Amino acid sequence: MILFRQLFDDDTSTLTYILADPVTRDAIIIDPVHEQFDRDLAEICDMEVRLKYILETHVHADHITGGGRLREETGARFVAGVGSRLECADLLLADGDSLSFGNEVIHALATPGHTDGCTTYRWRDRLFTGDTLLIDACGRTDFQQGSAERLYNSLSRLFEFPAETLVFPGHDYNGRRVSTLSQEAGINPYWAGLTKAEFIEKLNALNLPKPRKIDVAVPANLRCGEAA
């Protein structure tokens, strides 16, 4: 038995995850959204768990984290990757670090490219990839320390895990909620059949509008969302 919830924010297409040990009831939440604070707190209460850690996959440009409010309300520790350089965080995880919540363990993998601080979290048979690997897509690299070359290297590392590993992304804009490494390796148009040079060329040629909340979200998230 596992305690696992996947939640969705319609406004920003953000996926939030709650994981908990069914025995000790210790829990973590990944990528909470500021506007969904009441929902997330209600889910935590409904699951009858104690929030121990708030994990961020990176400094988001499209939404303000709910982590600051959750930390204040629950006393949970705010966690991010060391590459984020978040002075407001309680704990910064380096590549290979792990956290225990009850009898469960989640592992941090540094996967920079979309941002310097991008971190994928591995738990049991699944990867929480944030904006590094999306379903049929990947993170953009045209702002906020983006690097197509580093993203390619990070994706290469993720695809070394078993093919049946589940992929739970930080966003999806097409109603999808989970994939596998096998599926993404085979059909993801930003990966399948591309050389490193072709991948870099494709990412660098994207001409996307900047995230509509970037000017508000990034400064707030550099303060762990507490000034939102």
Protein backbone atom coordinates (compact mmCIF):
# COMPACT_ATOMS: atom_id res chain seq x y z
CA MET A 1 0.00 0.00 0.00
CA ILE A 2 1.19 3.54 -0.77
CA LEU A 3 -0.35 6.89 0.00
CA PHE A 4 -0.12 9.02 -3.12
CA ARG A 5 -2.14 11.93 -4.51
CA GLN A 6 -1.74 13.79 -7.77
CA LEU A 7 -3.37 17.23 -7.89
CA PHE A 8 -3.81 19.70 -10.75
CA ASP A 9 -4.00 23.48 -10.96
CA ASP A 10 -6.11 24.49 -13.95
CA ASP A 11 -4.76 28.04 -14.20
CA THR A 12 -1.10 27.08 -14.59
CA SER A 13 -1.45 23.39 -15.58
CA THR A 14 0.78 22.53 -12.63
CA LEU A 15 0.83 19.04 -11.16
CA THR A 16 1.37 18.74 -7.41
CA TYR A 17 2.09 15.48 -5.61
CA ILE A 18 1.63 14.27 -2.05
CA LEU A 19 3.44 11.11 -0.90
CA ALA A 20 3.17 9.55 2.54
CA ASP A 21 4.29 6.56 4.55
CA PRO A 22 1.12 4.59 5.40
CA VAL A 23 2.60 3.40 8.70
CA THR A 24 4.10 6.54 10.24
CA ARG A 25 1.88 8.97 8.27
CA ASP A 26 4.86 11.21 7.51
CA ALA A 27 4.37 12.99 4.18
CA ILE A 28 6.00 15.20 1.58
CA ILE A 29 4.52 17.48 -1.05
CA ILE A 30 6.14 18.29 -4.40
CA ASP A 31 5.57 21.60 -6.21
CA PRO A 32 2.59 23.10 -4.36
CA VAL A 33 0.87 26.14 -5.89
CA HIS A 34 0.19 29.30 -3.86
CA GLU A 35 -3.43 29.63 -4.97
CA GLN A 36 -4.09 25.98 -4.07
CA PHE A 37 -3.02 26.30 -0.44
CA ASP A 38 -6.49 25.51 0.93
CA ARG A 39 -6.87 22.51 -1.37
CA ASP A 40 -3.47 21.10 -0.44
CA LEU A 41 -4.05 21.57 3.27
CA ALA A 42 -7.43 19.86 2.94
CA GLU A 43 -5.84 16.92 1.12
CA ILE A 44 -3.21 16.57 3.84
CA CYS A 45 -5.93 16.58 6.49
CA ASP A 46 -8.06 14.11 4.52
CA MET A 47 -5.11 11.72 4.19
CA GLU A 48 -4.49 12.05 7.94
CA VAL A 49 -0.78 12.62 7.42
CA ARG A 50 1.88 14.96 8.84
CA LEU A 51 3.70 17.10 6.31
CA LYS A 52 7.43 16.76 6.90
CA TYR A 53 8.98 18.23 3.74
CA ILE A 54 7.99 20.58 0.91
CA LEU A 55 10.01 19.76 -2.19
CA GLU A 56 10.48 22.10 -5.14
CA THR A 57 11.73 20.81 -8.48
CA HIS A 58 13.06 24.28 -9.38
CA VAL A 59 12.44 28.02 -9.11
CA HIS A 60 9.22 28.26 -11.11
CA ALA A 61 8.50 31.01 -13.63
CA ASP A 62 4.84 30.19 -14.26
CA HIS A 63 3.40 30.04 -10.75
CA ILE A 64 4.18 31.06 -7.20
CA THR A 65 4.96 28.19 -4.87
CA GLY A 66 2.62 27.42 -2.01
CA GLY A 67 5.58 26.13 -0.04
CA GLY A 68 6.05 29.23 2.08
CA ARG A 69 2.47 29.19 3.33
CA LEU A 70 2.56 25.44 3.93
CA ARG A 71 5.79 25.78 5.90
CA GLU A 72 4.26 28.48 8.07
CA GLU A 73 1.08 26.47 8.65
CA THR A 74 2.57 23.00 9.19
CA GLY A 75 6.17 23.48 10.28
CA ALA A 76 7.39 21.34 7.37
CA ARG A 77 10.87 22.05 5.99
CA PHE A 78 11.25 23.74 2.61
CA VAL A 79 13.57 21.80 0.29
CA ALA A 80 15.10 22.58 -3.12
CA GLY A 81 18.08 21.60 -5.21
CA VAL A 82 21.42 23.12 -4.29
CA GLY A 83 21.68 24.67 -7.75
CA SER A 84 18.71 26.91 -6.97
CA ARG A 85 20.80 28.71 -4.36
CA LEU A 86 17.64 29.53 -2.41
CA GLU A 87 18.68 31.28 0.78
CA CYS A 88 15.13 30.95 2.11
CA ALA A 89 15.16 27.14 1.93
CA ASP A 90 15.61 25.03 5.03
CA LEU A 91 17.52 22.38 3.12
CA LEU A 92 19.29 22.30 -0.24
CA LEU A 93 19.83 18.86 -1.74
CA ALA A 94 22.86 17.98 -3.83
CA ASP A 95 22.87 15.28 -6.48
CA GLY A 96 22.57 11.90 -4.81
CA ASP A 97 21.17 13.20 -1.53
CA SER A 98 18.10 11.55 -0.06
CA LEU A 99 15.35 12.34 2.42
CA SER A 100 13.47 9.95 4.67
CA PHE A 101 9.83 10.42 5.57
CA GLY A 102 8.86 7.62 7.87
CA ASN A 103 10.03 4.38 6.26
CA GLU A 104 10.03 5.91 2.79
CA VAL A 105 13.04 7.43 1.03
CA ILE A 106 13.11 9.89 -1.86
CA HIS A 107 16.28 10.59 -3.82
CA ALA A 108 17.43 13.83 -5.45
CA LEU A 109 18.89 13.88 -8.95
CA ALA A 110 20.40 17.12 -10.24
CA THR A 111 18.89 17.64 -13.70
CA PRO A 112 19.84 21.19 -14.75
CA GLY A 113 19.10 22.66 -18.14
CA HIS A 114 15.70 24.29 -17.79
CA THR A 115 17.17 26.11 -14.77
CA ASP A 116 20.38 25.63 -12.79
CA GLY A 117 18.49 24.26 -9.82
CA CYS A 118 16.25 21.73 -11.56
CA THR A 119 16.01 18.58 -9.49
CA THR A 120 14.23 15.33 -10.30
CA TYR A 121 13.04 13.27 -7.35
CA ARG A 122 13.07 9.45 -7.52
CA TRP A 123 10.69 7.52 -5.29
CA ARG A 124 10.10 3.80 -5.67
CA ASP A 125 9.26 3.16 -9.34
CA ARG A 126 8.66 6.76 -10.36
CA LEU A 127 10.42 9.98 -11.24
CA PHE A 128 9.01 13.42 -10.45
CA THR A 129 10.67 15.33 -13.24
CA GLY A 130 9.41 18.87 -12.80
CA ASP A 131 10.01 20.76 -16.05
CA THR A 132 13.01 18.67 -17.11
CA LEU A 133 11.03 15.91 -18.81
CA LEU A 134 7.38 16.45 -19.74
CA ILE A 135 4.99 14.12 -21.54
CA ASP A 136 5.87 14.45 -25.24
CA ALA A 137 7.96 17.52 -24.41
CA CYS A 138 10.72 18.91 -22.21
CA GLY A 139 11.52 22.15 -20.46
CA ARG A 140 12.39 25.25 -22.45
CA THR A 141 15.90 26.67 -22.21
CA ASP A 142 15.56 30.26 -23.37
CA PHE A 143 15.52 32.03 -19.99
CA GLN A 144 16.50 31.68 -16.31
CA GLN A 145 19.90 29.96 -16.76
CA GLY A 146 18.56 27.73 -19.51
CA SER A 147 21.01 25.52 -21.42
CA ALA A 148 19.95 23.08 -24.12
CA GLU A 149 23.23 21.20 -23.80
CA ARG A 150 22.85 20.71 -20.05
CA LEU A 151 19.22 19.69 -20.49
CA TYR A 152 20.24 17.04 -23.04
CA ASN A 153 22.78 15.67 -20.57
CA SER A 154 20.15 15.60 -17.81
CA LEU A 155 17.64 13.80 -20.02
CA SER A 156 20.30 11.29 -21.02
CA ARG A 157 20.78 10.50 -17.37
CA LEU A 158 17.06 10.02 -16.74
CA PHE A 159 16.76 7.63 -19.67
CA GLU A 160 19.34 5.37 -18.02
CA PHE A 161 16.70 4.29 -15.47
CA PRO A 162 14.60 1.19 -16.23
CA ALA A 163 12.25 1.62 -19.19
CA GLU A 164 9.18 0.88 -17.08
CA THR A 165 9.94 3.76 -14.67
CA LEU A 166 6.93 6.04 -14.33
CA VAL A 167 7.27 9.70 -15.27
CA PHE A 168 5.23 12.23 -13.30
CA PRO A 169 5.89 15.70 -14.77
CA GLY A 170 5.52 19.14 -13.24
CA HIS A 171 3.07 20.27 -15.91
CA ASP A 172 0.85 18.95 -18.63
CA TYR A 173 -1.28 21.02 -20.99
CA ASN A 174 -3.13 18.21 -22.74
CA GLY A 175 -4.94 16.27 -20.02
CA ARG A 176 -2.22 13.66 -19.52
CA ARG A 177 -1.00 12.70 -16.08
CA VAL A 178 1.66 9.98 -16.28
CA SER A 179 4.02 8.42 -18.78
CA THR A 180 6.93 5.98 -18.75
CA LEU A 181 10.54 6.35 -19.77
CA SER A 182 9.94 3.77 -22.46
CA GLN A 183 7.13 5.82 -23.98
CA GLU A 184 9.08 9.06 -23.84
CA ALA A 185 12.19 7.47 -25.30
CA GLY A 186 10.14 6.16 -28.20
CA ILE A 187 7.82 9.01 -29.16
CA ASN A 188 8.79 12.24 -27.40
CA PRO A 189 9.47 14.61 -30.33
CA TYR A 190 12.08 16.46 -28.30
CA TRP A 191 14.11 13.29 -27.75
CA ALA A 192 13.26 10.31 -29.95
CA GLY A 193 15.69 9.95 -32.83
CA LEU A 194 17.53 13.21 -32.18
CA THR A 195 21.26 13.55 -31.84
CA LYS A 196 22.61 15.91 -29.21
CA ALA A 197 23.31 18.53 -31.87
CA GLU A 198 19.80 18.19 -33.30
CA PHE A 199 18.26 18.46 -29.84
CA ILE A 200 20.22 21.64 -29.11
CA GLU A 201 19.29 23.11 -32.46
CA LYS A 202 15.60 22.33 -31.91
CA LEU A 203 15.51 23.85 -28.43
CA ASN A 204 17.42 26.94 -29.51
CA ALA A 205 15.04 27.50 -32.42
CA LEU A 206 11.91 27.65 -30.26
CA ASN A 207 10.22 31.03 -30.29
CA LEU A 208 7.87 30.91 -27.32
CA PRO A 209 6.22 33.78 -25.44
CA LYS A 210 7.59 34.28 -21.97
CA PRO A 211 5.49 32.81 -19.13
CA ARG A 212 2.76 35.29 -18.28
CA LYS A 213 3.55 35.25 -14.55
CA ILE A 214 7.35 35.24 -14.77
CA ASP A 215 7.87 38.81 -13.54
CA VAL A 216 5.89 38.07 -10.38
CA ALA A 217 6.60 34.36 -9.90
CA VAL A 218 10.38 34.31 -10.05
CA PRO A 219 10.99 37.08 -7.46
CA ALA A 220 8.40 35.53 -5.12
CA ASN A 221 9.83 32.04 -5.55
CA LEU A 222 13.33 33.29 -4.76
CA ARG A 223 11.77 34.07 -1.38
CA CYS A 224 10.09 30.62 -1.20
CA GLY A 225 6.76 32.22 -2.07
CA GLU A 226 6.43 33.88 1.30
CA ALA A 227 6.04 37.39 -0.13
CA ALA A 228 3.25 36.32 -2.49
